[in-house]
Amino acid sequence: MADTVNKTLDPRVNRRGFLKGCTMAAAALGLSESMVPKMVEAATSAQRPPVIWLHFQECTGCTETMLRGAHPDLANLILDIISLDYHETVMAAAGHQAEQALHDSMEKNAGKYILVVEGGIPTAENGIYCKIAGKTAMESLEEVAANAAAIIAYGTCATFGGVQAAKPNPTGSVGVDSLVFDKPIINISGCPPNPVNFLGTVLHYLTFQRLPAVDSLKRPKFAYGRRIHDHCERRAHFDEGRFVEQFGDEYHKQGYCLYKVGCKGPETFANCPVARFNEAGVWPVSVGHGCIGCTEPKFWDTMTPFYDRLPDVTIPGSGIVDDADRIGTKVLGVTAAAVGIHAAVGIGKRLIKGKSDSEG
């Protein structure tokens, strides 16, 4: 127990995790190894960007996933990279003290703070379905967004309305960019999104003083530029016509393609197969469950029932090669991305070794 505590408090261990996180983020962004020191310098500057994090209609799963990140962990993120001035889940203050912290940060950092929004914003009946401190989510968003330098909509609820927006959407839930039109907005969708994509976005902003390039849905291209299907480790089984017929069968045990049991990878854009989750190199498909398309707009309507196959994908026996090209193979690009992410650990080790040698 004492060893665990000592390792946690050891600044060398924290630095190792921090460097690994920056390296992984650089790889995810498609930047060269030479950019890592610049990202580290930007992230550790004395002027940490103030961040205000608002919660609306959501389950807090996006924050929960962030809490489980390790490169860097939440402590490094909020103590070394950003100044987290307001976040209802992790802040100690409550009630009037919390509201005072919010307004103090808004006043002190007007025009400079990054606003992160987690959760959908209900608009039906003047927004009565979500109120915080006597104000509707719509009112709070309008007030805090007014003086933000940039806005990050984090999670599918904040980007597209989420499960609350599923038909018939009784609360009129919408994403941030349906209500805010005069601020730079980036959508990091997912239910939940990968913390690496949040870190990569923040580090890009700190390094280049601008948000990364986005797609037509305002999602960062580095994370949402390719389909799940394009870089899935089970893609070869799809191309060869080897499918799981039902969960638990022999083909499931052998790791065959999950398309027939509902995988939505052919119509979902995200870097889950490359970035992965939980510091264990896993993501849903790798452990035997199909993608549910959670990074896409209205996925609760368009991707359900989750265990029914997609109707417009030709399977082997009737034009599979043409469909594979249409869906997007891009094998070389995929391999490069995967190698980039997994090489990040090695790059981080070299940076750490160089630091240790210079200190010694």
Protein backbone atom coordinates (compact mmCIF):
# COMPACT_ATOMS: atom_id res chain seq x y z
CA MET A 1 0.00 0.00 0.00
CA ALA A 2 2.81 2.38 0.92
CA ASP A 3 4.57 1.62 -2.38
CA THR A 4 1.42 2.47 -4.31
CA VAL A 5 1.02 5.79 -2.51
CA ASN A 6 4.70 6.65 -3.02
CA LYS A 7 4.45 5.91 -6.74
CA THR A 8 1.35 8.05 -7.03
CA LEU A 9 3.07 10.98 -5.37
CA ASP A 10 6.38 10.53 -7.19
CA PRO A 11 6.71 13.45 -9.67
CA ARG A 12 8.74 11.24 -12.00
CA VAL A 13 5.80 8.86 -12.31
CA ASN A 14 3.44 11.77 -12.97
CA ARG A 15 5.82 13.17 -15.59
CA ARG A 16 6.00 9.77 -17.28
CA GLY A 17 2.22 9.60 -17.54
CA PHE A 18 2.04 13.21 -18.71
CA LEU A 19 4.63 12.68 -21.46
CA LYS A 20 2.90 9.52 -22.56
CA GLY A 21 -0.39 11.39 -22.76
CA CYS A 22 1.13 14.18 -24.87
CA THR A 23 2.78 11.62 -27.13
CA MET A 24 -0.44 9.68 -27.60
CA ALA A 25 -2.31 12.91 -28.33
CA ALA A 26 0.32 13.95 -30.89
CA ALA A 27 0.03 10.56 -32.59
CA ALA A 28 -3.76 10.82 -32.63
CA LEU A 29 -3.47 14.30 -34.17
CA GLY A 30 -1.14 12.95 -36.85
CA LEU A 31 1.75 15.16 -35.71
CA SER A 32 5.40 14.18 -35.92
CA GLU A 33 7.52 13.22 -32.94
CA SER A 34 9.25 16.60 -33.14
CA MET A 35 6.00 18.31 -32.12
CA VAL A 36 5.78 16.51 -28.77
CA PRO A 37 8.21 18.82 -26.91
CA LYS A 38 6.32 21.85 -28.25
CA MET A 39 3.05 20.40 -27.00
CA VAL A 40 4.61 19.67 -23.61
CA GLU A 41 5.93 23.24 -23.43
CA ALA A 42 2.53 24.69 -24.34
CA ALA A 43 0.74 22.44 -21.85
CA THR A 44 3.07 23.30 -18.97
CA SER A 45 3.21 27.05 -19.50
CA ALA A 46 2.46 29.30 -16.56
CA GLN A 47 -0.76 30.48 -18.20
CA ARG A 48 -3.02 27.47 -17.91
CA PRO A 49 -6.26 28.10 -19.84
CA PRO A 50 -9.27 28.56 -17.54
CA VAL A 51 -12.00 26.00 -18.15
CA ILE A 52 -15.65 26.17 -17.13
CA TRP A 53 -17.43 22.82 -17.42
CA LEU A 54 -21.24 22.82 -17.44
CA HIS A 55 -23.52 19.81 -16.99
CA PHE A 56 -27.03 19.61 -18.42
CA GLN A 57 -29.15 16.61 -19.51
CA GLU A 58 -26.75 13.68 -19.18
CA CYS A 59 -25.65 10.73 -17.05
CA THR A 60 -22.16 12.14 -16.28
CA GLY A 61 -20.66 9.13 -18.09
CA CYS A 62 -18.39 11.42 -20.11
CA THR A 63 -16.85 12.82 -16.92
CA GLU A 64 -16.69 9.32 -15.42
CA THR A 65 -14.65 8.18 -18.40
CA MET A 66 -12.37 11.18 -18.02
CA LEU A 67 -11.87 10.30 -14.35
CA ARG A 68 -10.54 6.90 -15.43
CA GLY A 69 -7.99 8.32 -17.84
CA ALA A 70 -4.31 7.93 -17.04
CA HIS A 71 -2.31 9.78 -19.69
CA PRO A 72 -2.56 12.18 -18.08
CA ASP A 73 -4.81 11.37 -15.16
CA LEU A 74 -7.42 13.87 -14.04
CA ALA A 75 -5.15 15.36 -11.38
CA ASN A 76 -2.44 16.14 -13.95
CA LEU A 77 -5.03 17.48 -16.37
CA ILE A 78 -6.60 19.98 -13.96
CA LEU A 79 -3.44 20.88 -12.02
CA ASP A 80 -0.86 21.03 -14.80
CA ILE A 81 -2.62 21.57 -18.15
CA ILE A 82 -5.85 23.48 -17.53
CA SER A 83 -7.30 25.54 -14.69
CA LEU A 84 -10.63 23.85 -14.02
CA ASP A 85 -12.55 26.68 -12.39
CA TYR A 86 -16.01 25.10 -12.36
CA HIS A 87 -17.12 21.47 -12.64
CA GLU A 88 -20.08 20.30 -10.59
CA THR A 89 -18.89 16.69 -10.31
CA VAL A 90 -15.37 17.21 -9.01
CA MET A 91 -15.50 20.62 -7.28
CA ALA A 92 -15.66 20.87 -3.50
CA ALA A 93 -17.93 23.91 -3.43
CA ALA A 94 -21.71 23.61 -3.52
CA GLY A 95 -24.74 25.87 -3.62
CA HIS A 96 -24.02 29.61 -3.48
CA GLN A 97 -20.26 29.00 -3.20
CA ALA A 98 -20.28 27.03 -6.46
CA GLU A 99 -22.26 29.72 -8.24
CA GLN A 100 -19.85 32.36 -6.94
CA ALA A 101 -16.89 30.37 -8.30
CA LEU A 102 -18.59 30.23 -11.69
CA HIS A 103 -19.29 33.95 -11.86
CA ASP A 104 -15.84 34.88 -10.52
CA SER A 105 -14.16 32.86 -13.28
CA MET A 106 -16.44 34.32 -15.95
CA GLU A 107 -15.64 37.85 -14.82
CA LYS A 108 -11.93 37.37 -14.30
CA ASN A 109 -11.35 35.45 -17.54
CA ALA A 110 -13.87 37.08 -19.87
CA GLY A 111 -12.99 36.28 -23.47
CA LYS A 112 -10.28 33.80 -22.43
CA TYR A 113 -11.94 30.75 -20.91
CA ILE A 114 -12.80 27.50 -22.65
CA LEU A 115 -16.37 26.38 -22.07
CA VAL A 116 -16.93 22.62 -21.97
CA VAL A 117 -20.54 21.47 -22.14
CA GLU A 118 -21.60 17.96 -21.15
CA GLY A 119 -25.25 17.05 -21.70
CA GLY A 120 -28.09 18.03 -23.99
CA ILE A 121 -30.03 21.27 -23.67
CA PRO A 122 -33.83 20.92 -23.42
CA THR A 123 -35.74 23.59 -25.32
CA ALA A 124 -39.36 22.46 -25.03
CA GLU A 125 -41.66 24.61 -22.88
CA ASN A 126 -38.98 27.28 -22.52
CA GLY A 127 -36.44 24.79 -21.20
CA ILE A 128 -38.18 23.87 -17.94
CA TYR A 129 -36.90 20.28 -18.04
CA CYS A 130 -33.43 21.20 -16.79
CA LYS A 131 -32.77 23.95 -14.26
CA ILE A 132 -29.66 24.71 -12.22
CA ALA A 133 -29.58 27.48 -9.62
CA GLY A 134 -32.99 28.64 -10.78
CA LYS A 135 -31.93 29.07 -14.42
CA THR A 136 -32.76 26.82 -17.35
CA ALA A 137 -29.98 25.08 -19.23
CA MET A 138 -30.70 27.39 -22.17
CA GLU A 139 -30.23 30.46 -19.98
CA SER A 140 -27.05 29.13 -18.39
CA LEU A 141 -25.56 28.22 -21.77
CA GLU A 142 -26.36 31.63 -23.23
CA GLU A 143 -24.85 33.41 -20.21
CA VAL A 144 -21.61 31.43 -19.99
CA ALA A 145 -21.07 31.08 -23.74
CA ALA A 146 -21.26 34.84 -24.25
CA ASN A 147 -17.68 35.48 -23.09
CA ALA A 148 -16.07 32.11 -23.92
CA ALA A 149 -13.08 32.00 -26.23
CA ALA A 150 -14.14 28.60 -27.57
CA ILE A 151 -16.63 25.86 -26.76
CA ILE A 152 -16.09 22.11 -26.58
CA ALA A 153 -19.31 20.08 -26.70
CA TYR A 154 -18.24 16.88 -24.99
CA GLY A 155 -20.22 13.70 -25.56
CA THR A 156 -23.11 12.86 -27.87
CA CYS A 157 -25.67 14.54 -25.59
CA ALA A 158 -23.91 17.91 -25.86
CA THR A 159 -23.15 17.48 -29.55
CA PHE A 160 -26.41 16.05 -30.91
CA GLY A 161 -28.89 15.92 -28.01
CA GLY A 162 -28.14 12.31 -27.03
CA VAL A 163 -30.63 9.76 -25.75
CA GLN A 164 -32.91 12.59 -24.61
CA ALA A 165 -33.31 13.57 -28.27
CA ALA A 166 -34.54 10.11 -29.28
CA LYS A 167 -38.02 10.11 -30.79
CA PRO A 168 -40.33 11.63 -29.74
CA ASN A 169 -37.80 13.87 -27.94
CA PRO A 170 -40.33 15.15 -25.37
CA THR A 171 -37.96 17.71 -23.83
CA GLY A 172 -36.77 19.12 -27.15
CA SER A 173 -33.15 18.24 -26.37
CA VAL A 174 -30.54 19.67 -28.77
CA GLY A 175 -26.79 20.04 -28.99
CA VAL A 176 -24.80 23.19 -28.27
CA ASP A 177 -24.40 24.27 -31.88
CA SER A 178 -28.18 24.40 -32.29
CA LEU A 179 -28.25 27.33 -29.85
CA VAL A 180 -24.85 29.06 -30.08
CA PHE A 181 -23.85 30.49 -33.45
CA ASP A 182 -21.20 33.13 -32.78
CA LYS A 183 -18.44 31.10 -31.10
CA PRO A 184 -15.88 28.52 -32.28
CA ILE A 185 -17.42 25.15 -31.39
CA ILE A 186 -15.91 21.69 -31.63
CA ASN A 187 -18.00 18.56 -31.14
CA ILE A 188 -16.37 15.56 -29.45
CA SER A 189 -19.13 13.00 -29.80
CA GLY A 190 -19.39 9.55 -28.25
CA CYS A 191 -21.35 7.87 -25.50
CA PRO A 192 -18.90 8.28 -23.89
CA PRO A 193 -16.13 9.86 -25.98
CA ASN A 194 -12.51 8.83 -25.59
CA PRO A 195 -10.55 11.12 -23.21
CA VAL A 196 -7.63 11.00 -25.68
CA ASN A 197 -9.74 13.02 -28.12
CA PHE A 198 -10.46 15.65 -25.49
CA LEU A 199 -6.79 15.86 -24.53
CA GLY A 200 -5.74 16.04 -28.18
CA THR A 201 -8.18 18.89 -28.81
CA VAL A 202 -7.00 20.86 -25.77
CA LEU A 203 -3.31 20.33 -26.58
CA HIS A 204 -3.88 21.38 -30.19
CA TYR A 205 -5.59 24.54 -28.96
CA LEU A 206 -2.75 25.30 -26.54
CA THR A 207 -0.02 24.59 -29.09
CA PHE A 208 -1.47 26.33 -32.14
CA GLN A 209 -3.93 28.76 -30.51
CA ARG A 210 -6.78 27.39 -32.60
CA LEU A 211 -9.11 24.43 -32.63
CA PRO A 212 -8.21 21.46 -34.88
CA ALA A 213 -9.71 20.98 -38.33
CA VAL A 214 -13.27 19.64 -38.22
CA ASP A 215 -15.66 17.66 -40.42
CA SER A 216 -19.13 18.72 -41.54
CA LEU A 217 -20.48 17.92 -38.06
CA LYS A 218 -17.79 20.06 -36.36
CA ARG A 219 -15.98 16.99 -35.05
CA PRO A 220 -12.15 16.97 -35.09
CA LYS A 221 -10.99 15.16 -38.20
CA PHE A 222 -8.10 13.53 -36.36
CA ALA A 223 -10.62 11.53 -34.32
CA TYR A 224 -13.61 11.22 -36.65
CA GLY A 225 -12.05 11.26 -40.10
CA ARG A 226 -12.47 7.53 -40.85
CA ARG A 227 -15.11 4.89 -40.35
CA ILE A 228 -14.80 2.33 -37.58
CA HIS A 229 -15.03 -0.27 -40.34
CA ASP A 230 -11.93 1.11 -42.07
CA HIS A 231 -9.55 0.27 -39.24
CA CYS A 232 -11.26 -2.50 -37.29
CA GLU A 233 -9.14 -5.51 -36.40
CA ARG A 234 -12.02 -7.76 -37.53
CA ARG A 235 -12.20 -6.20 -41.00
CA ALA A 236 -10.30 -9.09 -42.61
CA HIS A 237 -13.01 -11.48 -41.40
CA PHE A 238 -15.66 -9.24 -42.98
CA ASP A 239 -13.80 -9.22 -46.29
CA GLU A 240 -13.52 -13.02 -46.18
CA GLY A 241 -17.16 -13.50 -45.25
CA ARG A 242 -16.52 -14.89 -41.76
CA PHE A 243 -19.26 -13.73 -39.37
CA VAL A 244 -20.54 -14.32 -35.87
CA GLU A 245 -24.07 -15.71 -36.31
CA GLN A 246 -25.10 -15.31 -32.67
CA PHE A 247 -23.37 -14.24 -29.49
CA GLY A 248 -21.53 -17.10 -27.82
CA ASP A 249 -21.21 -19.31 -30.90
CA GLU A 250 -17.95 -20.82 -32.12
CA TYR A 251 -17.37 -17.95 -34.55
CA HIS A 252 -17.77 -15.45 -31.73
CA LYS A 253 -15.06 -17.25 -29.78
CA GLN A 254 -12.78 -17.11 -32.82
CA GLY A 255 -13.13 -13.36 -33.15
CA TYR A 256 -15.07 -13.23 -36.42
CA CYS A 257 -16.80 -10.09 -37.73
CA LEU A 258 -19.78 -8.86 -35.71
CA TYR A 259 -21.72 -7.30 -38.59
CA LYS A 260 -24.48 -9.94 -38.59
CA VAL A 261 -25.15 -9.40 -34.87
CA GLY A 262 -25.62 -5.68 -35.30
CA CYS A 263 -22.22 -3.97 -35.49
CA LYS A 264 -22.68 -0.44 -36.85
CA GLY A 265 -19.01 0.07 -37.73
CA PRO A 266 -19.64 0.48 -41.48
CA GLU A 267 -21.66 3.66 -40.83
CA THR A 268 -19.83 5.10 -37.80
CA PHE A 269 -16.93 7.55 -37.82
CA ALA A 270 -14.51 7.39 -34.87
CA ASN A 271 -10.99 6.33 -33.86
CA CYS A 272 -12.04 3.79 -31.21
CA PRO A 273 -10.06 0.89 -32.77
CA VAL A 274 -6.90 2.99 -32.60
CA ALA A 275 -7.27 5.07 -29.42
CA ARG A 276 -9.09 2.38 -27.38
CA PHE A 277 -10.21 2.72 -23.76
CA ASN A 278 -9.47 2.03 -20.10
CA GLU A 279 -5.68 1.85 -20.36
CA ALA A 280 -6.04 -1.80 -21.26
CA GLY A 281 -6.00 -1.57 -25.06
CA VAL A 282 -9.64 -2.53 -25.38
CA TRP A 283 -12.76 -1.21 -27.08
CA PRO A 284 -16.22 -2.80 -27.50
CA VAL A 285 -15.50 -4.74 -30.70
CA SER A 286 -12.25 -6.19 -29.36
CA VAL A 287 -14.08 -7.73 -26.41
CA GLY A 288 -16.87 -9.15 -28.54
CA HIS A 289 -19.63 -6.52 -28.75
CA GLY A 290 -20.51 -4.65 -31.91
CA CYS A 291 -20.22 -0.89 -32.34
CA ILE A 292 -23.57 0.82 -31.66
CA GLY A 293 -22.75 3.98 -33.64
CA CYS A 294 -22.73 6.24 -30.59
CA THR A 295 -20.66 8.99 -32.22
CA GLU A 296 -23.31 9.65 -34.89
CA PRO A 297 -26.27 12.07 -34.79
CA LYS A 298 -29.60 10.52 -33.75
CA PHE A 299 -27.94 7.14 -33.23
CA TRP A 300 -30.67 6.11 -30.78
CA ASP A 301 -33.10 6.31 -33.71
CA THR A 302 -30.97 5.44 -36.74
CA MET A 303 -28.86 2.64 -35.25
CA THR A 304 -31.56 0.78 -33.34
CA PRO A 305 -32.39 -2.04 -32.83
CA PHE A 306 -28.73 -2.35 -31.89
CA TYR A 307 -28.59 -6.10 -32.62
CA ASP A 308 -30.11 -5.89 -36.10
CA ARG A 309 -27.71 -5.75 -39.01
CA LEU A 310 -27.37 -2.62 -41.14
CA PRO A 311 -29.60 -3.00 -44.20
CA ASP A 312 -27.45 -1.33 -46.88
CA VAL A 313 -24.21 -3.28 -46.57
CA THR A 314 -23.59 -6.11 -49.05
CA ILE A 315 -22.08 -9.18 -47.43
CA PRO A 316 -19.81 -11.75 -49.16
CA GLY A 317 -21.40 -13.52 -52.07
CA SER A 318 -22.91 -10.43 -53.70
CA GLY A 319 -20.42 -7.73 -54.54
CA ILE A 320 -18.33 -7.65 -51.37
CA VAL A 321 -15.24 -6.22 -53.08
CA ASP A 322 -17.17 -3.25 -54.49
CA ASP A 323 -18.79 -2.61 -51.13
CA ALA A 324 -15.47 -2.84 -49.31
CA ASP A 325 -14.13 -0.11 -51.57
CA ARG A 326 -17.28 1.97 -51.15
CA ILE A 327 -17.19 1.64 -47.39
CA GLY A 328 -13.53 2.62 -47.45
CA THR A 329 -10.54 0.33 -47.04
CA LYS A 330 -7.70 2.86 -46.75
CA VAL A 331 -5.52 0.10 -45.36
CA LEU A 332 -2.25 1.99 -45.55
CA GLY A 333 -3.63 5.04 -43.78
CA VAL A 334 -5.22 2.85 -41.14
CA THR A 335 -1.98 0.97 -40.52
CA ALA A 336 -0.08 4.24 -40.18
CA ALA A 337 -2.60 5.56 -37.65
CA ALA A 338 -2.49 2.36 -35.60
CA VAL A 339 1.30 2.26 -35.64
CA GLY A 340 1.37 5.95 -34.64
CA ILE A 341 -0.77 5.40 -31.57
CA HIS A 342 1.00 2.27 -30.40
CA ALA A 343 4.42 3.76 -31.11
CA ALA A 344 3.53 6.60 -28.76
CA VAL A 345 4.55 4.56 -25.75
CA GLY A 346 8.02 3.99 -27.19
CA ILE A 347 8.45 7.66 -28.05
CA GLY A 348 7.37 8.62 -24.55
CA LYS A 349 9.95 6.28 -23.07
CA ARG A 350 12.72 7.89 -25.13
CA LEU A 351 11.64 11.37 -24.00
CA ILE A 352 11.62 10.25 -20.38
CA LYS A 353 15.00 8.60 -20.73
CA GLY A 354 16.45 11.76 -22.23
CA LYS A 355 15.03 13.82 -19.35
CA SER A 356 16.41 11.41 -16.77
CA ASP A 357 19.88 11.43 -18.37
CA SER A 358 19.96 15.23 -18.41
CA GLU A 359 18.91 15.36 -14.77
CA GLY A 360 21.48 12.80 -13.77
